[in-house]
PDB file of N, CA and C in Angstrom:
ATOM      1  N   ASN A   1     125.547 105.406  90.505  1.00  0.00           N
ATOM      2  CA  ASN A   1     125.994 105.040  89.119  1.00  0.00           C
ATOM      3  C   ASN A   1     124.648 104.686  88.392  1.00  0.00           C
ATOM      4  N   ASN A   2     123.266 104.276  89.286  1.00  0.00           N
ATOM      5  CA  ASN A   2     122.639 104.426  88.772  1.00  0.00           C
ATOM      6  C   ASN A   2     121.604 105.297  88.644  1.00  0.00           C
ATOM      7  N   LYS A   3     121.457 104.926  87.123  1.00  0.00           N
ATOM      8  CA  LYS A   3     120.672 106.428  86.360  1.00  0.00           C
ATOM      9  C   LYS A   3     118.971 106.788  87.054  1.00  0.00           C
ATOM     10  N   VAL A   4     118.370 105.755  87.592  1.00  0.00           N
ATOM     11  CA  VAL A   4     117.474 106.031  88.289  1.00  0.00           C
ATOM     12  C   VAL A   4     117.463 107.013  89.712  1.00  0.00           C
ATOM     13  N   THR A   5     118.652 106.272  90.619  1.00  0.00           N
ATOM     14  CA  THR A   5     118.786 106.753  91.701  1.00  0.00           C
ATOM     15  C   THR A   5     119.127 108.747  91.298  1.00  0.00           C
ATOM     16  N   GLN A   6     120.537 108.567  90.388  1.00  0.00           N
ATOM     17  CA  GLN A   6     120.437 109.644  89.725  1.00  0.00           C
ATOM     18  C   GLN A   6     119.118 110.908  89.620  1.00  0.00           C
ATOM     19  N   ILE A   7     118.288 110.142  89.008  1.00  0.00           N
ATOM     20  CA  ILE A   7     117.149 111.273  88.583  1.00  0.00           C
ATOM     21  C   ILE A   7     115.903 111.358  89.766  1.00  0.00           C
ATOM     22  N   PHE A   8     115.615 110.274  90.777  1.00  0.00           N
ATOM     23  CA  PHE A   8     115.556 110.449  92.054  1.00  0.00           C
ATOM     24  C   PHE A   8     115.708 111.503  92.744  1.00  0.00           C
ATOM     25  N   THR A   9     117.183 111.501  92.870  1.00  0.00           N
ATOM     26  CA  THR A   9     117.795 112.449  93.783  1.00  0.00           C
ATOM     27  C   THR A   9     117.790 113.690  93.084  1.00  0.00           C
ATOM     28  N   GLU A  10     118.102 114.129  91.954  1.00  0.00           N
ATOM     29  CA  GLU A  10     117.845 114.937  91.361  1.00  0.00           C
ATOM     30  C   GLU A  10     116.206 115.704  91.561  1.00  0.00           C
ATOM     31  N   VAL A  11     115.157 115.062  91.697  1.00  0.00           N
ATOM     32  CA  VAL A  11     113.846 115.566  91.719  1.00  0.00           C
ATOM     33  C   VAL A  11     113.807 115.761  93.006  1.00  0.00           C
ATOM     34  N   TYR A  12     113.927 114.928  93.836  1.00  0.00           N
ATOM     35  CA  TYR A  12     114.228 115.080  95.618  1.00  0.00           C
ATOM     36  C   TYR A  12     114.510 116.394  96.007  1.00  0.00           C
ATOM     37  N   ILE A  13     115.854 117.109  95.669  1.00  0.00           N
ATOM     38  CA  ILE A  13     116.474 117.799  95.512  1.00  0.00           C
ATOM     39  C   ILE A  13     116.041 119.302  95.117  1.00  0.00           C
ATOM     40  N   ASN A  14     115.363 119.467  93.869  1.00  0.00           N
ATOM     41  CA  ASN A  14     114.514 120.238  93.271  1.00  0.00           C
ATOM     42  C   ASN A  14     113.208 120.206  93.947  1.00  0.00           C
ATOM     43  N   THR A  15     112.761 119.403  95.061  1.00  0.00           N
ATOM     44  CA  THR A  15     111.253 119.675  95.320  1.00  0.00           C
ATOM     45  C   THR A  15     111.662 120.163  97.073  1.00  0.00           C
ATOM     46  N   ILE A  16     112.691 120.105  97.433  1.00  0.00           N
ATOM     47  CA  ILE A  16     112.278 120.059  98.641  1.00  0.00           C
ATOM     48  C   ILE A  16     113.315 121.631  99.459  1.00  0.00           C
ATOM     49  N   ASN A  17     112.706 122.145 100.199  1.00  0.00           N
ATOM     50  CA  ASN A  17     112.959 123.451 100.803  1.00  0.00           C
ATOM     51  C   ASN A  17     114.841 123.484 101.366  1.00  0.00           C
ATOM     52  N   LEU A  18     115.403 124.313 100.672  1.00  0.00           N
ATOM     53  CA  LEU A  18     117.245 124.270 100.675  1.00  0.00           C
ATOM     54  C   LEU A  18     117.490 125.310 101.262  1.00  0.00           C
ATOM     55  N   GLU A  19     116.390 126.214 102.628  1.00  0.00           N
ATOM     56  CA  GLU A  19     117.169 127.181 102.826  1.00  0.00           C
ATOM     57  C   GLU A  19     117.943 126.769 104.182  1.00  0.00           C
ATOM     58  N   ASN A  20     118.027 125.537 104.917  1.00  0.00           N
ATOM     59  CA  ASN A  20     118.623 125.372 105.986  1.00  0.00           C
ATOM     60  C   ASN A  20     119.715 125.016 105.187  1.00  0.00           C
ATOM     61  N   TYR A  21     120.006 124.822 103.853  1.00  0.00           N
ATOM     62  CA  TYR A  21     121.393 124.247 103.413  1.00  0.00           C
ATOM     63  C   TYR A  21     121.952 125.665 102.901  1.00  0.00           C
ATOM     64  N   VAL A  22     121.447 126.565 102.169  1.00  0.00           N
ATOM     65  CA  VAL A  22     121.921 127.872 101.567  1.00  0.00           C
ATOM     66  C   VAL A  22     122.733 128.464 102.663  1.00  0.00           C
ATOM     67  N   THR A  23     123.782 129.011 102.230  1.00  0.00           N
ATOM     68  CA  THR A  23     124.715 130.170 102.840  1.00  0.00           C
ATOM     69  C   THR A  23     125.039 130.951 101.856  1.00  0.00           C
ATOM     70  N   GLY A  24     125.377 132.214 102.386  1.00  0.00           N
ATOM     71  CA  GLY A  24     125.727 133.582 102.201  1.00  0.00           C
ATOM     72  C   GLY A  24     124.083 134.393 102.221  1.00  0.00           C
ATOM     73  N   ALA A  25     124.025 135.694 102.514  1.00  0.00           N
ATOM     74  CA  ALA A  25     123.070 136.501 102.296  1.00  0.00           C
ATOM     75  C   ALA A  25     122.768 136.797 101.004  1.00  0.00           C
ATOM     76  N   ALA A  26     123.858 137.947 100.886  1.00  0.00           N
ATOM     77  CA  ALA A  26     123.970 138.764  99.318  1.00  0.00           C
ATOM     78  C   ALA A  26     123.669 137.677  98.498  1.00  0.00           C
ATOM     79  N   GLN A  27     124.607 136.942  98.528  1.00  0.00           N
ATOM     80  CA  GLN A  27     124.251 136.202  97.507  1.00  0.00           C
ATOM     81  C   GLN A  27     123.970 134.775  97.594  1.00  0.00           C
ATOM     82  N   PRO A  28     123.335 134.362  97.697  1.00  0.00           N
ATOM     83  CA  PRO A  28     123.135 132.507  98.162  1.00  0.00           C
ATOM     84  C   PRO A  28     123.824 131.329  97.595  1.00  0.00           C
ATOM     85  N   LYS A  29     124.416 130.708  98.323  1.00  0.00           N
ATOM     86  CA  LYS A  29     124.905 129.544  97.390  1.00  0.00           C
ATOM     87  C   LYS A  29     124.666 127.980  98.001  1.00  0.00           C
ATOM     88  N   LEU A  30     124.713 127.215  97.641  1.00  0.00           N
ATOM     89  CA  LEU A  30     124.629 125.683  98.032  1.00  0.00           C
ATOM     90  C   LEU A  30     126.137 125.175  97.936  1.00  0.00           C
ATOM     91  N   ASN A  31     127.312 124.775  98.446  1.00  0.00           N
ATOM     92  CA  ASN A  31     128.277 124.449  98.416  1.00  0.00           C
ATOM     93  C   ASN A  31     128.415 123.164  98.587  1.00  0.00           C
ATOM     94  N   GLN A  32     129.174 122.163  97.809  1.00  0.00           N
ATOM     95  CA  GLN A  32     129.522 120.736  98.131  1.00  0.00           C
ATOM     96  C   GLN A  32     129.092 120.300  99.180  1.00  0.00           C
ATOM     97  N   ALA A  33     129.821 120.440 100.275  1.00  0.00           N
ATOM     98  CA  ALA A  33     129.818 120.137 101.776  1.00  0.00           C
ATOM     99  C   ALA A  33     128.229 120.227 102.347  1.00  0.00           C
ATOM    100  N   ARG A  34     127.500 121.246 101.807  1.00  0.00           N
ATOM    101  CA  ARG A  34     126.595 121.521 102.453  1.00  0.00           C
ATOM    102  C   ARG A  34     125.005 120.677 101.601  1.00  0.00           C
ATOM    103  N   LEU A  35     125.540 120.248 100.568  1.00  0.00           N
ATOM    104  CA  LEU A  35     124.856 119.595  99.430  1.00  0.00           C
ATOM    105  C   LEU A  35     124.757 118.207  99.548  1.00  0.00           C
ATOM    106  N   ASN A  36     126.214 117.810 100.269  1.00  0.00           N
ATOM    107  CA  ASN A  36     126.212 116.641 100.834  1.00  0.00           C
ATOM    108  C   ASN A  36     125.934 115.940 102.086  1.00  0.00           C
ATOM    109  N   SER A  37     125.612 117.456 102.797  1.00  0.00           N
ATOM    110  CA  SER A  37     124.714 116.683 103.799  1.00  0.00           C
ATOM    111  C   SER A  37     123.381 116.966 104.235  1.00  0.00           C
ATOM    112  N   ILE A  38     122.676 116.965 103.116  1.00  0.00           N
ATOM    113  CA  ILE A  38     121.138 116.811 102.912  1.00  0.00           C
ATOM    114  C   ILE A  38     120.509 115.343 102.793  1.00  0.00           C
ATOM    115  N   PRO A  39     119.911 114.955 103.573  1.00  0.00           N
ATOM    116  CA  PRO A  39     120.052 113.538 103.470  1.00  0.00           C
ATOM    117  C   PRO A  39     118.593 113.235 103.178  1.00  0.00           C
ATOM    118  N   ILE A  40     118.963 112.230 101.955  1.00  0.00           N
ATOM    119  CA  ILE A  40     117.946 111.789 101.122  1.00  0.00           C
ATOM    120  C   ILE A  40     117.874 110.414 101.200  1.00  0.00           C
ATOM    121  N   PRO A  41     116.081 110.479 101.535  1.00  0.00           N
ATOM    122  CA  PRO A  41     115.627 109.018 101.494  1.00  0.00           C
ATOM    123  C   PRO A  41     115.420 108.187 100.429  1.00  0.00           C
ATOM    124  N   LEU A  42     116.263 107.410 100.354  1.00  0.00           N
ATOM    125  CA  LEU A  42     116.151 106.242  99.305  1.00  0.00           C
ATOM    126  C   LEU A  42     115.278 105.003  99.470  1.00  0.00           C
ATOM    127  N   PRO A  43     114.210 105.069  98.863  1.00  0.00           N
ATOM    128  CA  PRO A  43     113.508 103.597  98.935  1.00  0.00           C
ATOM    129  C   PRO A  43     114.106 102.780  98.041  1.00  0.00           C
ATOM    130  N   PRO A  44     113.403 101.445  97.989  1.00  0.00           N
ATOM    131  CA  PRO A  44     114.476 100.899  97.245  1.00  0.00           C
ATOM    132  C   PRO A  44     114.280 101.132  95.918  1.00  0.00           C
ATOM    133  N   THR A  45     115.469 100.050  95.039  1.00  0.00           N
ATOM    134  CA  THR A  45     115.664 100.130  93.701  1.00  0.00           C
ATOM    135  C   THR A  45     114.348 100.621  93.060  1.00  0.00           C
ATOM    136  N   ASN A  46     113.734  99.429  92.868  1.00  0.00           N
ATOM    137  CA  ASN A  46     112.287  99.235  92.297  1.00  0.00           C
ATOM    138  C   ASN A  46     111.373 100.179  92.584  1.00  0.00           C
ATOM    139  N   ILE A  47     111.054 100.788  93.697  1.00  0.00           N
ATOM    140  CA  ILE A  47     110.407 101.560  93.641  1.00  0.00           C
ATOM    141  C   ILE A  47     110.831 103.288  93.570  1.00  0.00           C
ATOM    142  N   GLN A  48     112.273 103.355  93.369  1.00  0.00           N
ATOM    143  CA  GLN A  48     112.757 104.507  93.039  1.00  0.00           C
ATOM    144  C   GLN A  48     112.362 104.174  91.322  1.00  0.00           C
ATOM    145  N   LYS A  49     112.311 103.157  90.791  1.00  0.00           N
ATOM    146  CA  LYS A  49     112.364 102.930  89.174  1.00  0.00           C
ATOM    147  C   LYS A  49     110.529 103.518  88.946  1.00  0.00           C
ATOM    148  N   GLU A  50     109.718 102.766  89.571  1.00  0.00           N
ATOM    149  CA  GLU A  50     108.491 103.083  89.720  1.00  0.00           C
ATOM    150  C   GLU A  50     108.156 104.501  89.772  1.00  0.00           C
ATOM    151  N   LEU A  51     108.466 104.996  90.578  1.00  0.00           N
ATOM    152  CA  LEU A  51     108.411 107.031  90.703  1.00  0.00           C
ATOM    153  C   LEU A  51     109.072 107.288  89.764  1.00  0.00           C
ATOM    154  N   VAL A  52     110.150 107.149  89.278  1.00  0.00           N
ATOM    155  CA  VAL A  52     110.432 108.099  88.138  1.00  0.00           C
ATOM    156  C   VAL A  52     109.974 107.701  86.878  1.00  0.00           C
ATOM    157  N   THR A  53     109.574 106.302  86.346  1.00  0.00           N
ATOM    158  CA  THR A  53     108.751 106.409  85.290  1.00  0.00           C
ATOM    159  C   THR A  53     107.853 106.948  85.189  1.00  0.00           C
ATOM    160  N   GLN A  54     106.825 107.571  86.614  1.00  0.00           N
ATOM    161  CA  GLN A  54     105.603 107.790  86.658  1.00  0.00           C
ATOM    162  C   GLN A  54     105.869 109.428  86.450  1.00  0.00           C
ATOM    163  N   LEU A  55     107.031 110.239  86.809  1.00  0.00           N
ATOM    164  CA  LEU A  55     107.463 111.427  86.884  1.00  0.00           C
ATOM    165  C   LEU A  55     107.447 111.863  85.159  1.00  0.00           C
ATOM    166  N   GLU A  56     108.610 110.916  84.761  1.00  0.00           N
ATOM    167  CA  GLU A  56     108.739 110.999  83.175  1.00  0.00           C
ATOM    168  C   GLU A  56     107.137 110.815  82.241  1.00  0.00           C
ATOM    169  N   ALA A  57     106.601 109.891  82.402  1.00  0.00           N
ATOM    170  CA  ALA A  57     105.239 109.832  81.966  1.00  0.00           C
ATOM    171  C   ALA A  57     104.780 111.681  82.227  1.00  0.00           C
ATOM    172  N   GLU A  58     104.591 111.836  83.488  1.00  0.00           N
ATOM    173  CA  GLU A  58     103.829 113.212  83.512  1.00  0.00           C
ATOM    174  C   GLU A  58     104.685 114.437  82.929  1.00  0.00           C
ATOM    175  N   GLN A  59     105.579 114.120  82.919  1.00  0.00           N
ATOM    176  CA  GLN A  59     106.739 115.627  82.459  1.00  0.00           C
ATOM    177  C   GLN A  59     106.484 115.504  80.563  1.00  0.00           C
ATOM    178  N   GLU A  60     106.213 114.318  80.363  1.00  0.00           N
ATOM    179  CA  GLU A  60     106.044 114.278  78.656  1.00  0.00           C
ATOM    180  C   GLU A  60     104.587 114.443  78.281  1.00  0.00           C
ATOM    181  N   LEU A  61     103.358 115.072  79.280  1.00  0.00           N
ATOM    182  CA  LEU A  61     102.188 115.246  79.215  1.00  0.00           C
ATOM    183  C   LEU A  61     102.327 116.712  79.261  1.00  0.00           C
ATOM    184  N   VAL A  62     103.374 117.353  80.682  1.00  0.00           N
ATOM    185  CA  VAL A  62     103.085 118.355  80.944  1.00  0.00           C
ATOM    186  C   VAL A  62     103.810 119.441  79.621  1.00  0.00           C
ATOM    187  N   ASN A  63     105.092 118.703  78.743  1.00  0.00           N
ATOM    188  CA  ASN A  63     105.684 119.315  77.806  1.00  0.00           C
ATOM    189  C   ASN A  63     104.580 119.180  76.789  1.00  0.00           C
ATOM    190  N   GLY A  64     103.931 118.401  76.305  1.00  0.00           N
ATOM    191  CA  GLY A  64     102.608 118.045  75.205  1.00  0.00           C
ATOM    192  C   GLY A  64     102.123 119.574  75.421  1.00  0.00           C
ATOM    193  N   SER A  65     101.748 119.364  76.711  1.00  0.00           N
ATOM    194  CA  SER A  65     100.536 120.555  77.045  1.00  0.00           C
ATOM    195  C   SER A  65     101.020 121.861  76.559  1.00  0.00           C
ATOM    196  N   LYS A  66     102.595 121.989  77.208  1.00  0.00           N
ATOM    197  CA  LYS A  66     102.782 123.458  76.740  1.00  0.00           C
ATOM    198  C   LYS A  66     103.296 123.295  75.297  1.00  0.00           C
ATOM    199  N   ASN A  67     103.246 122.553  74.523  1.00  0.00           N
ATOM    200  CA  ASN A  67     103.705 122.161  73.371  1.00  0.00           C
ATOM    201  C   ASN A  67     102.158 123.121  72.620  1.00  0.00           C
ATOM    202  N   LEU A  68     101.034 122.434  73.117  1.00  0.00           N
ATOM    203  CA  LEU A  68      99.578 122.624  72.643  1.00  0.00           C
ATOM    204  C   LEU A  68      99.693 124.225  73.051  1.00  0.00           C
ATOM    205  N   VAL A  69      99.862 124.406  74.047  1.00  0.00           N
ATOM    206  CA  VAL A  69      99.683 125.843  74.541  1.00  0.00           C
ATOM    207  C   VAL A  69     100.003 127.012  73.505  1.00  0.00           C
ATOM    208  N   SER A  70     101.325 126.289  73.025  1.00  0.00           N
ATOM    209  CA  SER A  70     102.034 127.206  72.435  1.00  0.00           C
ATOM    210  C   SER A  70     101.517 127.597  70.388  1.00  0.00           C
ATOM    211  N   ILE A  71     101.105 126.276  70.537  1.00  0.00           N
ATOM    212  CA  ILE A  71     100.499 126.260  68.712  1.00  0.00           C
ATOM    213  C   ILE A  71      99.166 126.714  68.956  1.00  0.00           C
ATOM    214  N   PHE A  72      98.263 127.100  69.867  1.00  0.00           N
ATOM    215  CA  PHE A  72      97.252 127.511  70.149  1.00  0.00           C
ATOM    216  C   PHE A  72      97.519 129.199  70.182  1.00  0.00           C
ATOM    217  N   GLU A  73      98.320 129.937  71.028  1.00  0.00           N
ATOM    218  CA  GLU A  73      98.628 130.849  71.124  1.00  0.00           C
ATOM    219  C   GLU A  73      99.115 131.630  69.567  1.00  0.00           C
ATOM    220  N   GLN A  74     100.264 130.765  68.557  1.00  0.00           N
ATOM    221  CA  GLN A  74     100.420 131.132  67.550  1.00  0.00           C
ATOM    222  C   GLN A  74      99.221 131.299  67.255  1.00  0.00           C
ATOM    223  N   LYS A  75      98.090 130.084  66.802  1.00  0.00           N
ATOM    224  CA  LYS A  75      96.848 130.576  65.696  1.00  0.00           C
ATOM    225  C   LYS A  75      95.896 131.936  66.191  1.00  0.00           C
ATOM    226  N   ILE A  76      95.769 132.261  68.035  1.00  0.00           N
ATOM    227  CA  ILE A  76      95.295 133.536  68.397  1.00  0.00           C
ATOM    228  C   ILE A  76      95.877 134.330  67.739  1.00  0.00           C
ATOM    229  N   LYS A  77      97.215 134.462  67.741  1.00  0.00           N
ATOM    230  CA  LYS A  77      98.246 135.683  66.871  1.00  0.00           C
ATOM    231  C   LYS A  77      97.620 135.535  65.316  1.00  0.00           C
ATOM    232  N   ASP A  78      97.762 134.722  64.656  1.00  0.00           N
ATOM    233  CA  ASP A  78      97.712 134.537  63.540  1.00  0.00           C
ATOM    234  C   ASP A  78      96.169 135.270  63.342  1.00  0.00           C
ATOM    235  N   LYS A  79      95.024 134.948  64.176  1.00  0.00           N
ATOM    236  CA  LYS A  79      93.794 134.898  63.676  1.00  0.00           C
ATOM    237  C   LYS A  79      93.311 136.550  64.025  1.00  0.00           C
ATOM    238  N   ILE A  80      94.143 136.942  64.827  1.00  0.00           N
ATOM    239  CA  ILE A  80      94.403 138.454  65.368  1.00  0.00           C
ATOM    240  C   ILE A  80      94.679 139.439  64.129  1.00  0.00           C
ATOM    241  N   ALA A  81      96.014 138.824  63.453  1.00  0.00           N
ATOM    242  CA  ALA A  81      96.616 139.276  62.837  1.00  0.00           C
ATOM    243  C   ALA A  81      95.607 139.554  61.556  1.00  0.00           C
ATOM    244  N   GLU A  82      95.030 138.640  61.088  1.00  0.00           N
ATOM    245  CA  GLU A  82      93.853 138.538  59.841  1.00  0.00           C
ATOM    246  C   GLU A  82      92.954 139.386  60.061  1.00  0.00           C
ATOM    247  N   VAL A  83      92.466 139.302  61.259  1.00  0.00           N
ATOM    248  CA  VAL A  83      91.169 140.368  61.371  1.00  0.00           C
ATOM    249  C   VAL A  83      91.307 141.751  61.200  1.00  0.00           C
ATOM    250  N   TRP A  84      92.801 142.363  61.721  1.00  0.00           N
ATOM    251  CA  TRP A  84      93.380 143.301  62.155  1.00  0.00           C
ATOM    252  C   TRP A  84      93.960 144.084  60.905  1.00  0.00           C
ATOM    253  N   GLY A  85      94.443 142.882  60.068  1.00  0.00           N
ATOM    254  CA  GLY A  85      94.770 143.247  58.932  1.00  0.00           C
ATOM    255  C   GLY A  85      96.596 143.323  58.923  1.00  0.00           C
ATOM    256  N   ASP A  86      96.904 142.848  60.032  1.00  0.00           N
ATOM    257  CA  ASP A  86      98.495 142.793  60.305  1.00  0.00           C
ATOM    258  C   ASP A  86      99.272 142.233  59.124  1.00  0.00           C
TER     259      ASP A  86
END
């Protein structure tokens, strides 16, 4: 029920190696039983909140950087089109 714990858990699951929990050779899958068997170390809520706050701030920086890259890529394309007359 705690949003911070949900985000913390999501980030943890997305960063660990899941090979030991995935089943199926041709089509790998992670079923509910295997997902529930993954041990998740949960620090106190205040530490989870601090970590999630830091992660969200870093994600904002990453998103801002991606936006800048996109802007500059378009500027480069526009300049090339201007120079080459496209």
